[in-house]
Protein backbone atom coordinates (compact mmCIF):
# COMPACT_ATOMS: atom_id res chain seq x y z
CA MET A 1 4.39 2.75 3.60
CA LEU A 2 5.40 2.17 7.21
CA ARG A 3 7.49 -0.98 7.67
CA VAL A 4 7.77 -2.30 11.25
CA ARG A 5 10.55 -4.79 11.97
CA TRP A 6 10.97 -6.72 15.24
CA LEU A 7 14.62 -7.76 14.94
CA GLY A 8 15.37 -9.44 18.27
CA ARG A 9 18.79 -8.86 19.84
CA VAL A 10 21.09 -6.73 17.64
CA PRO A 11 24.51 -5.22 18.52
CA TYR A 12 24.43 -1.44 18.70
CA GLY A 13 26.80 -0.84 15.78
CA GLU A 14 24.78 -3.03 13.43
CA ALA A 15 21.55 -1.30 14.37
CA HIS A 16 23.12 2.10 13.83
CA ALA A 17 24.47 1.15 10.40
CA LEU A 18 21.02 -0.12 9.46
CA GLN A 19 19.35 3.09 10.66
CA GLN A 20 21.75 5.28 8.71
CA ALA A 21 21.24 3.31 5.52
CA LEU A 22 17.45 3.43 5.80
CA GLN A 23 17.54 7.11 6.64
CA SER A 24 19.42 7.98 3.47
CA GLY A 25 18.24 5.28 1.07
CA SER A 26 14.73 4.07 1.83
CA ARG A 27 11.61 5.36 0.13
CA ASP A 28 9.59 4.06 3.07
CA ASP A 29 9.34 4.93 6.75
CA TYR A 30 10.61 2.30 9.21
CA VAL A 31 10.19 1.47 12.87
CA LEU A 32 12.92 -0.87 14.08
CA LEU A 33 12.17 -2.74 17.32
CA LEU A 34 14.97 -4.60 19.02
CA GLU A 35 17.06 -5.32 22.11
CA HIS A 36 20.77 -4.61 22.44
CA PRO A 37 23.52 -6.53 24.22
CA PRO A 38 24.78 -4.42 27.16
CA VAL A 39 26.03 -1.03 25.93
CA PHE A 40 26.46 2.47 27.34
CA THR A 41 25.81 5.20 24.80
CA LEU A 42 26.87 8.83 25.04
CA GLY A 43 25.06 11.60 23.18
CA VAL A 44 26.91 14.36 21.40
CA ARG A 45 27.22 16.33 24.65
CA GLY A 46 27.40 13.35 26.95
CA ASP A 47 29.89 13.39 29.83
CA PRO A 48 32.08 10.27 29.98
CA ALA A 49 32.42 10.86 33.72
CA HIS A 50 28.76 9.84 34.04
CA ILE A 51 29.86 6.24 33.36
CA LEU A 52 30.80 5.22 36.90
CA VAL A 53 32.48 1.87 36.18
CA ASP A 54 35.02 0.44 33.81
CA PRO A 55 32.73 -0.99 31.09
CA ALA A 56 35.13 -3.87 30.46
CA ASP A 57 34.67 -4.98 34.07
CA VAL A 58 30.91 -5.36 33.62
CA GLY A 59 30.87 -6.76 30.08
CA ALA A 60 29.53 -3.69 28.30
CA GLU A 61 30.79 -1.57 25.43
CA VAL A 62 30.74 2.21 25.20
CA VAL A 63 29.62 4.00 22.07
CA ARG A 64 29.77 7.72 21.39
CA THR A 65 26.78 8.37 19.12
CA ASP A 66 25.20 11.26 17.25
CA ARG A 67 21.93 11.64 19.16
CA GLY A 68 21.10 14.24 21.74
CA GLY A 69 21.19 13.63 25.48
CA ASP A 70 23.77 12.34 27.90
CA VAL A 71 24.59 8.75 28.85
CA THR A 72 22.12 5.89 28.93
CA PHE A 73 22.17 2.11 29.05
CA HIS A 74 20.74 -0.38 26.55
CA GLY A 75 20.55 -4.08 27.27
CA PRO A 76 18.44 -7.25 27.48
CA GLY A 77 14.94 -6.69 28.81
CA GLN A 78 14.77 -3.22 27.31
CA LEU A 79 12.81 -2.59 24.12
CA VAL A 80 14.58 -0.12 21.86
CA VAL A 81 12.49 1.68 19.27
CA TYR A 82 14.18 3.37 16.32
CA PRO A 83 11.74 5.29 14.10
CA VAL A 84 13.42 6.13 10.80
CA VAL A 85 10.60 8.33 9.54
CA THR A 86 10.08 11.51 7.57
CA VAL A 87 9.75 14.52 9.86
CA PRO A 88 7.92 17.60 8.44
CA ARG A 89 10.10 20.65 8.15
CA GLY A 90 9.62 23.56 10.48
CA HIS A 91 10.98 25.23 13.60
CA GLU A 92 8.96 22.95 15.87
CA SER A 93 9.56 19.74 13.96
CA GLY A 94 12.20 18.46 16.39
CA PRO A 95 10.20 18.96 19.58
CA ALA A 96 7.09 17.61 17.88
CA HIS A 97 8.95 14.46 16.85
CA VAL A 98 10.27 13.97 20.38
CA GLU A 99 6.70 14.28 21.69
CA ALA A 100 5.53 11.69 19.15
CA VAL A 101 8.25 9.26 20.26
CA GLU A 102 7.29 9.78 23.88
CA GLN A 103 3.59 9.36 23.07
CA VAL A 104 4.21 5.99 21.44
CA ALA A 105 5.56 4.72 24.77
CA ILE A 106 2.80 6.42 26.77
CA ASP A 107 0.09 4.86 24.57
CA ALA A 108 1.72 1.43 24.64
CA LEU A 109 2.01 1.46 28.42
CA ALA A 110 -1.62 2.52 28.69
CA ASP A 111 -2.59 -0.72 26.90
CA PHE A 112 -1.37 -2.56 29.99
CA GLY A 113 -3.02 -0.16 32.43
CA LEU A 114 0.23 1.56 33.35
CA ALA A 115 -0.22 5.34 33.47
CA ALA A 116 2.81 7.37 32.39
CA GLY A 117 3.46 10.86 31.14
CA ARG A 118 5.96 13.67 30.72
CA LEU A 119 7.97 15.62 33.26
CA ALA A 120 8.66 19.25 32.29
CA GLY A 121 12.32 19.86 31.55
CA TYR A 122 13.18 16.12 31.48
CA PRO A 123 12.73 14.38 28.12
CA GLY A 124 11.49 10.83 28.27
CA VAL A 125 8.53 9.00 29.79
CA TRP A 126 7.87 8.96 33.50
CA VAL A 127 5.74 7.07 36.00
CA GLU A 128 4.00 9.43 38.44
CA PRO A 129 5.64 12.47 36.79
CA HIS A 130 3.76 14.89 39.07
CA GLY A 131 4.03 12.84 42.23
CA PRO A 132 6.60 13.02 45.02
CA ARG A 133 8.82 10.33 43.37
CA PRO A 134 8.82 10.47 39.55
CA ARG A 135 10.51 7.47 37.97
CA LYS A 136 11.85 7.27 34.42
CA ILE A 137 10.61 4.26 32.51
CA ALA A 138 11.73 5.25 28.99
CA ALA A 139 14.63 7.36 27.74
CA VAL A 140 14.37 9.39 24.54
CA GLY A 141 17.14 10.73 22.31
CA VAL A 142 16.74 11.63 18.65
CA ARG A 143 18.53 13.16 15.71
CA ILE A 144 16.94 14.64 12.60
CA SER A 145 18.93 14.94 9.39
CA ARG A 146 17.62 15.70 5.91
CA ASP A 147 14.05 15.58 7.27
CA ARG A 148 14.51 12.01 8.49
CA SER A 149 14.85 10.78 12.07
CA LEU A 150 17.43 8.57 13.75
CA HIS A 151 17.58 7.01 17.25
CA GLY A 152 14.47 7.12 19.42
CA LEU A 153 13.19 5.38 22.53
CA ALA A 154 14.42 2.85 25.10
CA LEU A 155 11.54 1.37 27.10
CA ASN A 156 12.43 -0.62 30.21
CA VAL A 157 10.33 -3.78 30.16
CA ASP A 158 12.29 -5.96 32.57
CA PRO A 159 16.00 -5.16 32.43
CA ASP A 160 18.38 -5.55 35.35
CA LEU A 161 17.97 -2.09 36.88
CA GLY A 162 21.35 -2.48 38.56
CA TRP A 163 22.89 -1.37 35.26
CA PHE A 164 21.54 2.13 35.86
CA ASP A 165 23.46 2.31 39.13
CA ARG A 166 26.66 2.15 37.07
CA ILE A 167 25.89 5.42 35.25
CA VAL A 168 24.29 8.80 35.89
CA PRO A 169 21.28 8.12 33.67
CA CYS A 170 20.79 10.99 31.22
CA GLY A 171 22.93 13.09 33.57
CA ILE A 172 20.10 13.17 36.17
CA THR A 173 21.31 12.57 39.72
CA ASP A 174 18.11 12.98 41.77
CA LYS A 175 15.49 10.81 40.02
CA ALA A 176 15.07 7.07 39.83
CA VAL A 177 14.85 4.68 36.90
CA THR A 178 12.12 2.07 36.83
CA SER A 179 10.72 -0.66 34.56
CA MET A 180 7.37 -2.24 33.80
CA ALA A 181 8.29 -5.24 35.93
CA ALA A 182 9.40 -3.04 38.83
CA GLU A 183 6.02 -1.31 38.68
CA GLY A 184 4.24 -4.66 38.94
CA PHE A 185 3.53 -5.20 35.22
CA GLU A 186 5.30 -8.45 34.29
CA GLU A 187 4.57 -8.61 30.59
CA SER A 188 6.42 -10.61 27.93
CA MET A 189 8.68 -8.71 25.58
CA GLU A 190 6.58 -9.92 22.65
CA SER A 191 3.39 -8.43 24.09
CA VAL A 192 5.14 -5.10 24.64
CA VAL A 193 6.49 -5.21 21.08
CA ASP A 194 2.92 -5.69 19.85
CA ALA A 195 1.67 -2.73 21.86
CA VAL A 196 4.47 -0.45 20.69
CA ALA A 197 3.95 -1.54 17.07
CA ARG A 198 0.26 -0.64 17.30
CA ALA A 199 1.05 2.75 18.82
CA ALA A 200 3.80 3.41 16.22
CA ALA A 201 1.35 2.64 13.40
CA VAL A 202 -1.04 5.26 14.76
CA TRP A 203 1.61 7.94 14.85
CA TRP A 204 3.68 7.23 11.77
CA SER A 205 1.67 5.31 9.18
CA ARG A 206 -0.30 8.47 8.25
CA GLY A 207 -3.26 6.27 7.45
CA GLY A 208 -1.33 4.23 4.92
CA PRO A 209 -0.48 0.52 4.87
CA VAL A 210 1.72 -1.06 7.52
CA ASP A 211 4.04 -3.99 6.78
CA ARG A 212 5.19 -5.80 9.89
CA GLN A 213 7.73 -8.62 9.88
CA ASP A 214 9.31 -10.32 12.88
CA VAL A 215 12.68 -11.99 13.23
CA HIS A 216 12.95 -12.86 16.90
CA HIS A 217 12.75 -16.66 16.84
CA ALA A 218 9.51 -16.35 14.86
CA ARG A 219 7.45 -17.62 17.77
CA ARG A 220 4.17 -16.46 16.32
CA SER A 221 2.51 -16.01 12.98
CA LEU A 222 2.47 -12.63 11.28
CA PRO A 223 -0.89 -10.98 10.69
CA ALA A 224 -1.43 -8.77 7.67
CA ALA A 225 -2.46 -5.78 9.77
CA ILE A 226 -1.03 -4.27 12.91
CA GLY A 227 -4.28 -4.43 14.83
CA GLU A 228 -5.06 -8.06 14.07
CA ALA A 229 -5.11 -10.50 16.96
CA ARG A 230 -2.01 -12.64 17.37
CA PRO A 231 -1.87 -16.27 18.51
CA ALA A 232 -0.06 -17.25 21.68
CA PRO A 233 3.72 -17.78 21.46
CA LEU A 234 4.89 -21.27 20.61
CA GLU A 235 7.30 -21.51 23.54
CA GLY A 236 6.22 -24.08 26.02
CA ARG A 237 4.31 -26.17 23.54
CA PRO A 238 5.74 -29.69 23.27
CA GLY A 239 7.39 -30.55 19.99
CA LYS A 240 7.10 -33.95 18.34
CA SER A 241 9.33 -36.50 20.03
CA GLY A 242 12.66 -37.09 18.34
CA GLU A 243 12.44 -34.21 15.90
CA SER A 244 15.69 -32.65 14.72
CA PRO A 245 16.59 -29.13 15.92
CA LEU A 246 15.98 -27.89 12.36
CA ARG A 247 12.40 -29.23 12.33
CA VAL A 248 11.77 -27.77 15.79
CA ARG A 249 12.96 -24.35 14.59
CA LEU A 250 10.83 -24.61 11.47
CA ARG A 251 7.73 -25.37 13.55
CA GLN A 252 8.55 -22.42 15.81
CA ALA A 253 8.71 -20.31 12.65
CA ARG A 254 5.19 -21.47 11.76
CA VAL A 255 6.24 -23.59 8.80
CA ASP A 256 3.58 -26.25 8.17
CA LEU A 257 5.90 -29.23 7.87
CA GLU A 258 3.12 -31.69 7.12
CA ALA A 259 1.95 -29.57 4.19
CA ALA A 260 5.53 -29.09 3.04
CA GLU A 261 6.20 -32.83 3.07
CA ALA A 262 3.06 -33.28 0.94
CA VAL A 263 4.46 -31.03 -1.83
CA PRO A 264 5.34 -33.30 -4.77
CA ALA A 265 9.02 -34.14 -4.64
CA ARG A 266 9.28 -34.39 -8.41
CA LYS A 267 10.57 -31.14 -9.80
CA PRO A 268 8.23 -29.19 -12.09
CA GLU A 269 9.07 -29.17 -15.76
CA TRP A 270 10.63 -25.71 -15.56
CA LEU A 271 13.23 -26.94 -13.05
CA ARG A 272 14.45 -29.98 -14.96
CA VAL A 273 17.93 -29.44 -16.36
CA GLN A 274 19.49 -31.69 -18.95
CA ALA A 275 23.03 -32.81 -18.13
CA ARG A 276 25.47 -31.56 -20.78
CA MET A 277 28.96 -32.90 -20.11
CA GLY A 278 30.60 -31.93 -23.36
CA PRO A 279 34.24 -31.03 -24.12
CA GLU A 280 33.97 -27.54 -22.56
CA PHE A 281 32.62 -29.02 -19.31
CA HIS A 282 35.47 -31.51 -19.01
CA ALA A 283 38.09 -28.96 -20.06
CA LEU A 284 37.05 -26.59 -17.30
CA ARG A 285 37.05 -29.40 -14.75
CA ARG A 286 40.59 -30.33 -15.79
CA THR A 287 41.71 -26.70 -15.35
CA LEU A 288 40.25 -26.57 -11.87
CA ARG A 289 41.80 -29.84 -10.82
CA SER A 290 45.19 -28.90 -12.22
CA HIS A 291 45.19 -25.83 -9.98
CA GLY A 292 43.92 -27.71 -6.91
CA LEU A 293 40.60 -25.84 -6.96
CA VAL A 294 36.97 -26.81 -6.60
CA THR A 295 33.79 -24.79 -7.12
CA VAL A 296 30.68 -24.00 -5.17
CA CYS A 297 28.87 -25.16 -8.30
CA GLU A 298 29.81 -28.71 -7.29
CA GLU A 299 29.82 -28.33 -3.51
CA ALA A 300 26.32 -26.79 -3.37
CA GLY A 301 24.82 -28.92 -6.13
CA CYS A 302 23.90 -25.95 -8.36
CA PRO A 303 21.42 -26.88 -11.12
CA ASN A 304 23.11 -24.50 -13.54
CA ILE A 305 26.47 -26.26 -13.49
CA PHE A 306 26.09 -27.75 -16.96
CA GLU A 307 25.03 -24.48 -18.61
CA CYS A 308 27.68 -22.38 -16.87
CA TRP A 309 30.53 -24.85 -17.25
CA ALA A 310 29.72 -25.38 -20.94
CA GLU A 311 30.17 -21.60 -21.30
CA GLY A 312 33.48 -21.68 -19.40
CA THR A 313 32.09 -20.16 -16.19
CA ALA A 314 32.03 -21.28 -12.54
CA THR A 315 32.22 -19.93 -8.96
CA PHE A 316 35.42 -20.27 -6.90
CA MET A 317 34.97 -21.11 -3.22
CA ILE A 318 37.96 -20.21 -1.06
CA ASN A 319 38.94 -20.91 2.56
CA GLY A 320 38.46 -24.64 2.17
CA GLU A 321 35.51 -26.88 1.53
CA ARG A 322 34.14 -27.16 5.06
CA CYS A 323 31.82 -24.59 6.59
CA THR A 324 31.60 -23.82 10.34
CA ARG A 325 27.86 -23.25 10.04
CA ALA A 326 25.03 -25.63 9.25
CA CYS A 327 22.34 -23.67 7.41
CA GLY A 328 19.25 -25.74 6.81
CA PHE A 329 19.27 -25.28 3.04
CA CYS A 330 22.95 -25.81 2.20
CA LEU A 331 24.78 -28.94 1.08
CA VAL A 332 28.35 -27.73 1.82
CA ASP A 333 30.33 -30.00 4.14
CA THR A 334 30.15 -28.95 7.81
CA ARG A 335 32.87 -31.16 9.31
CA HIS A 336 35.72 -29.47 11.19
CA PRO A 337 37.57 -27.27 8.65
CA GLY A 338 41.26 -27.56 7.91
CA PRO A 339 43.91 -24.83 7.84
CA VAL A 340 43.73 -21.99 5.34
CA ASP A 341 45.89 -22.50 2.25
CA ALA A 342 48.10 -19.43 1.85
CA GLU A 343 48.75 -20.25 -1.81
CA GLU A 344 45.08 -20.50 -2.74
CA PRO A 345 44.68 -16.83 -3.88
CA ASP A 346 47.52 -17.21 -6.40
CA ARG A 347 46.00 -20.45 -7.73
CA VAL A 348 42.64 -18.72 -8.21
CA ALA A 349 44.41 -15.94 -10.09
CA ALA A 350 46.28 -18.51 -12.26
CA ALA A 351 43.03 -20.29 -13.14
CA THR A 352 41.40 -16.95 -13.94
CA ALA A 353 44.24 -16.14 -16.35
CA ARG A 354 44.23 -19.56 -17.97
CA LEU A 355 40.46 -19.43 -18.54
CA GLY A 356 40.59 -15.88 -19.80
CA LEU A 357 37.79 -14.69 -17.50
CA ALA A 358 36.56 -11.12 -17.68
CA HIS A 359 34.49 -11.35 -14.49
CA VAL A 360 35.40 -13.52 -11.52
CA VAL A 361 33.11 -14.42 -8.63
CA VAL A 362 34.87 -15.57 -5.44
CA THR A 363 32.80 -17.01 -2.61
CA GLY A 364 33.82 -18.94 0.48
CA VAL A 365 32.64 -21.03 3.34
CA ALA A 366 31.97 -19.41 6.69
CA ARG A 367 35.07 -19.69 8.86
CA ASP A 368 33.93 -18.66 12.34
CA ASP A 369 36.98 -20.53 13.66
CA LEU A 370 39.34 -17.91 12.24
CA PRO A 371 40.01 -14.58 14.01
CA ASP A 372 39.07 -12.63 10.85
CA GLY A 373 36.32 -14.98 9.70
CA GLY A 374 38.27 -15.62 6.53
CA ALA A 375 38.21 -11.98 5.39
CA GLY A 376 41.93 -11.86 4.81
CA ALA A 377 41.80 -14.64 2.24
CA PHE A 378 39.09 -12.79 0.29
CA ALA A 379 41.23 -9.63 0.22
CA ALA A 380 44.31 -11.61 -0.81
CA THR A 381 42.38 -13.30 -3.63
CA VAL A 382 41.08 -9.99 -4.95
CA GLU A 383 44.61 -8.60 -4.89
CA ALA A 384 46.08 -11.69 -6.60
CA VAL A 385 43.55 -11.69 -9.41
CA ARG A 386 44.02 -7.99 -10.06
CA ARG A 387 47.76 -8.33 -10.05
CA ARG A 388 47.73 -11.14 -12.59
CA CYS A 389 44.61 -10.13 -14.57
CA PRO A 390 44.22 -6.35 -14.26
CA GLY A 391 41.35 -6.21 -16.75
CA THR A 392 39.22 -8.74 -14.84
CA ALA A 393 36.38 -7.55 -12.64
CA VAL A 394 36.16 -9.28 -9.25
CA GLU A 395 32.94 -10.07 -7.40
CA ILE A 396 33.08 -11.46 -3.86
CA LEU A 397 30.22 -13.36 -2.22
CA VAL A 398 31.02 -13.21 1.48
CA PRO A 399 29.77 -14.53 4.84
CA ASP A 400 28.98 -12.04 7.62
CA CYS A 401 32.20 -12.84 9.59
CA LYS A 402 30.06 -12.77 12.78
CA GLY A 403 29.61 -9.03 12.40
CA SER A 404 33.28 -8.24 13.12
CA SER A 405 33.91 -4.61 12.22
CA GLY A 406 37.59 -5.38 11.65
CA ALA A 407 36.82 -8.20 9.22
CA LEU A 408 34.29 -6.04 7.38
CA GLU A 409 36.91 -3.30 7.00
CA VAL A 410 39.26 -5.82 5.39
CA LEU A 411 36.54 -6.94 2.94
CA LEU A 412 35.55 -3.41 2.06
CA GLY A 413 39.18 -2.32 1.82
CA ALA A 414 39.73 -4.89 -0.95
CA ARG A 415 37.43 -2.74 -3.12
CA PRO A 416 35.80 -5.57 -5.12
CA ASP A 417 33.83 -4.54 -8.20
CA VAL A 418 30.75 -6.23 -6.70
CA PHE A 419 30.21 -6.91 -2.97
CA ASN A 420 27.68 -9.75 -2.58
CA HIS A 421 26.24 -10.97 0.70
CA ASN A 422 23.05 -13.02 0.63
CA LEU A 423 20.08 -12.33 2.88
CA GLU A 424 18.90 -15.83 1.84
CA THR A 425 15.36 -15.72 3.23
CA VAL A 426 12.62 -13.58 4.76
CA ALA A 427 12.68 -12.20 8.29
CA ARG A 428 10.46 -14.88 9.85
CA LEU A 429 12.54 -17.78 8.62
CA GLN A 430 16.02 -16.42 9.38
CA ARG A 431 16.62 -18.03 12.74
CA ALA A 432 15.05 -21.27 11.55
CA VAL A 433 17.13 -21.89 8.43
CA ARG A 434 20.35 -19.93 9.20
CA PRO A 435 20.56 -19.89 13.01
CA SER A 436 24.16 -18.65 13.11
CA ALA A 437 23.38 -15.58 11.04
CA GLY A 438 21.09 -12.59 11.54
CA TYR A 439 18.64 -10.61 9.42
CA ALA A 440 19.72 -7.24 10.81
CA ARG A 441 23.38 -8.22 10.61
CA SER A 442 23.12 -9.11 6.92
CA LEU A 443 21.37 -5.84 6.15
CA ALA A 444 24.03 -3.93 8.12
CA VAL A 445 26.82 -5.67 6.16
CA LEU A 446 25.20 -4.64 2.89
CA ALA A 447 24.57 -1.14 4.18
CA SER A 448 28.27 -0.81 5.00
CA ALA A 449 29.26 -1.96 1.50
CA LYS A 450 26.99 0.62 -0.08
CA SER A 451 28.22 3.34 2.29
CA ALA A 452 31.77 2.47 1.15
CA GLY A 453 30.76 3.23 -2.46
CA LEU A 454 30.70 -0.38 -3.66
CA THR A 455 28.18 -2.08 -5.92
CA ALA A 456 26.08 -4.09 -3.43
CA LYS A 457 24.36 -7.36 -4.30
CA SER A 458 22.20 -9.82 -2.39
CA GLY A 459 19.84 -12.71 -2.96
CA LEU A 460 16.91 -14.74 -1.68
CA ILE A 461 16.03 -18.39 -2.19
CA LEU A 462 12.32 -19.09 -2.26
CA GLY A 463 10.31 -22.14 -1.40
CA MET A 464 11.07 -22.71 2.29
CA GLY A 465 7.71 -21.51 3.64
CA GLU A 466 7.68 -17.76 2.94
CA SER A 467 4.74 -15.80 1.55
CA GLU A 468 4.88 -13.40 -1.37
CA GLU A 469 4.16 -10.51 1.00
CA GLU A 470 7.20 -11.46 3.09
CA VAL A 471 9.40 -11.66 0.00
CA VAL A 472 8.28 -8.19 -1.07
CA GLY A 473 9.04 -6.95 2.45
CA ALA A 474 12.54 -8.42 2.27
CA LEU A 475 13.09 -6.82 -1.15
CA ALA A 476 12.01 -3.50 0.33
CA ASP A 477 14.55 -3.90 3.14
CA LEU A 478 17.33 -4.67 0.64
CA ALA A 479 16.35 -1.67 -1.47
CA GLY A 480 16.20 0.45 1.67
CA VAL A 481 19.85 -0.19 2.52
CA GLY A 482 20.97 0.58 -1.04
CA VAL A 483 21.46 -2.85 -2.63
CA ASP A 484 21.99 -2.52 -6.41
CA ILE A 485 21.58 -6.11 -7.62
CA VAL A 486 19.19 -8.76 -6.28
CA THR A 487 18.79 -12.42 -7.24
CA LEU A 488 15.75 -14.59 -6.61
CA GLY A 489 15.70 -18.35 -7.22
CA GLN A 490 13.89 -21.55 -6.27
CA TYR A 491 15.14 -23.57 -3.31
CA LEU A 492 16.00 -27.19 -4.09
CA ARG A 493 16.24 -29.60 -1.15
CA PRO A 494 19.72 -31.18 -1.11
CA THR A 495 18.82 -34.14 1.15
CA ALA A 496 15.97 -35.36 3.35
CA ALA A 497 17.81 -33.87 6.35
CA HIS A 498 17.44 -30.34 4.96
CA VAL A 499 14.52 -27.92 4.91
CA PRO A 500 11.65 -29.41 2.89
CA VAL A 501 10.40 -27.59 -0.20
CA ALA A 502 7.18 -25.90 0.92
CA ARG A 503 6.34 -24.51 -2.51
CA TRP A 504 7.41 -24.58 -6.11
CA TRP A 505 7.31 -20.96 -7.25
CA THR A 506 6.27 -20.65 -10.89
CA PRO A 507 8.16 -18.74 -13.59
CA GLU A 508 5.25 -16.32 -13.71
CA GLU A 509 5.56 -15.61 -9.99
CA PHE A 510 9.28 -15.01 -10.34
CA GLY A 511 8.49 -12.63 -13.19
CA ARG A 512 6.07 -10.71 -11.03
CA LEU A 513 8.65 -10.41 -8.27
CA ALA A 514 11.16 -9.12 -10.82
CA GLU A 515 8.76 -6.37 -11.81
CA ILE A 516 8.15 -5.46 -8.17
CA GLY A 517 11.91 -5.36 -7.57
CA ARG A 518 12.50 -3.13 -10.54
CA SER A 519 9.78 -0.78 -9.30
CA MET A 520 11.73 -0.48 -6.01
CA GLY A 521 14.74 0.95 -7.84
CA PHE A 522 17.16 -2.01 -8.04
CA ALA A 523 19.60 -1.57 -10.91
CA HIS A 524 19.20 -5.24 -11.83
CA VAL A 525 16.87 -8.04 -10.72
CA GLN A 526 17.69 -11.61 -11.75
CA SER A 527 14.57 -13.65 -10.90
CA SER A 528 13.75 -17.13 -12.18
CA PRO A 529 13.45 -20.65 -10.77
CA LEU A 530 17.02 -21.52 -11.72
CA THR A 531 18.65 -18.25 -10.63
CA ARG A 532 21.51 -18.52 -8.18
CA SER A 533 23.79 -15.86 -6.69
CA SER A 534 26.41 -16.08 -9.44
CA TYR A 535 24.09 -16.87 -12.34
CA HIS A 536 24.73 -14.38 -15.18
CA ALA A 537 26.77 -12.40 -12.65
CA ARG A 538 28.68 -10.42 -15.26
CA GLY A 539 25.59 -9.18 -17.01
CA ALA A 540 24.08 -8.15 -13.69
CA ALA A 541 27.24 -6.27 -12.75
CA ALA A 542 27.27 -4.49 -16.10
CA ALA A 543 23.63 -3.43 -15.58
CA ALA A 544 24.58 -2.00 -12.20
CA GLY A 545 27.44 -0.01 -13.68
CA SER A 546 30.42 -2.03 -12.49
CA ARG A 547 33.53 -2.27 -14.67
CA SER A 548 32.75 -5.79 -15.97
CA GLY A 549 34.00 -6.73 -19.44
CA ALA A 550 32.40 -8.54 -22.44
CA ALA A 551 30.71 -12.07 -22.53
CA PRO A 552 28.64 -13.26 -19.53
CA VAL A 553 31.16 -15.12 -17.42
CA ALA A 554 31.10 -15.62 -13.64
CA PHE A 555 33.59 -17.59 -11.63
CA SER A 556 34.13 -18.49 -7.97
CA GLY A 557 36.18 -21.26 -6.33
CA THR A 558 37.55 -23.19 -3.31
CA GLY A 559 40.80 -24.94 -2.60
CA ARG A 560 41.24 -28.63 -1.89
């Protein structure tokens, strides 16, 4: 299957990590469509002298990458196309793939009436290639490894062409760079994305099905087929007066709020949990309080708290109780956070020892106010637990730390037994329900964990307006980057100010998704209405081959 993903604006490093993971791990072919923040990239033989300015002075980064070609620029207003597709073996496979990449741009431009073609000896796509003044409108640079492609095409829709005056584009000194807008074709980025997606499907679907999902602010609905007509973007349409930013974002993501509000608020029978506050429950609470700890079980209102606590299990939440983000589905406090408690890791380790836990889950609030996003506290907690309880397996459930490579290195360097980062929802709903996060970023974080040799885990919560097809697409993306364990559970609305429940998924539907997940190659799929990230975490880790011990215990915590 060909999976087409319009990802919006994605930093270069995250996109490259995602490409590499899909190239080595996905059973499917992918076409990633995105924009980059300003970046100069150098191919394997690129000349750094062809960057004519100090990048820091113009707000751009420089990346030496593994594609062919010299230096080029990527930035806003430029559509970057990364086909991660199988390339048939043979002496001419490389040139043939380059021609296919070029043809995708040529065909897409033809949809708008803009004639373009090739210029002998100069890879890329050119306007008036045989005229007196050929102008480059799309740069091409690829790499093929293990019969799979990386990198691809950068099509200038309407970037600031002044950026190209700061480099020697592709090492060519005597030919101009142009854009669709400069040629008189002022098209929206979304319309160009649609045209490129259609052309890509022709060249790389091989007549098979095409799954397209869009992230970029979800301003339109998603048709089932590439060629299907799309409605006009939502931008510019007036929203209902006085609506909260969350509701505005949900409408932009094509969530039918009126239908969602009509869903019966009473939980179905399969979601009703009996409160069981027996001796074990109260004993665990006393242990937590005596160590100055609280749990995400309490802070997030988990429906499994009575079952898990009765079994002596819980989930520690570190870095305080207050989150710097305000995801539309989460109950955790979002007031200004306090300072990090340096003694918290040792207290988590002490509680782990006192409770005799064989598998500990440590999560934490997002701390975008900290230079390392809170990564250091995770690493310190892993180290403290292992020092005091060397036989205990440690699972961390981490935020994305704003994509900081340094923070990610700290998290990966802690070598947890399970590295968990939740994707949370499908592509279309990402910006609506978790506006401070990113779909591509989350996939890149997970890809990095898998590349580091860790057991990778992620999860989705269902019931916020997604379709089954979108869930299956998200599962495919997680499988494609190498995730080992996936959890699927029903969303429960914490308050009337949060995302409404658009659908109660049935146990049978969760069972069907579990079967689909297993068919994709996940080592373990935990899928039921009451499943949460840490539910039966130890059993899931054991199924994935981690070094977890005996009885199903999972713990994570936070300091008061």
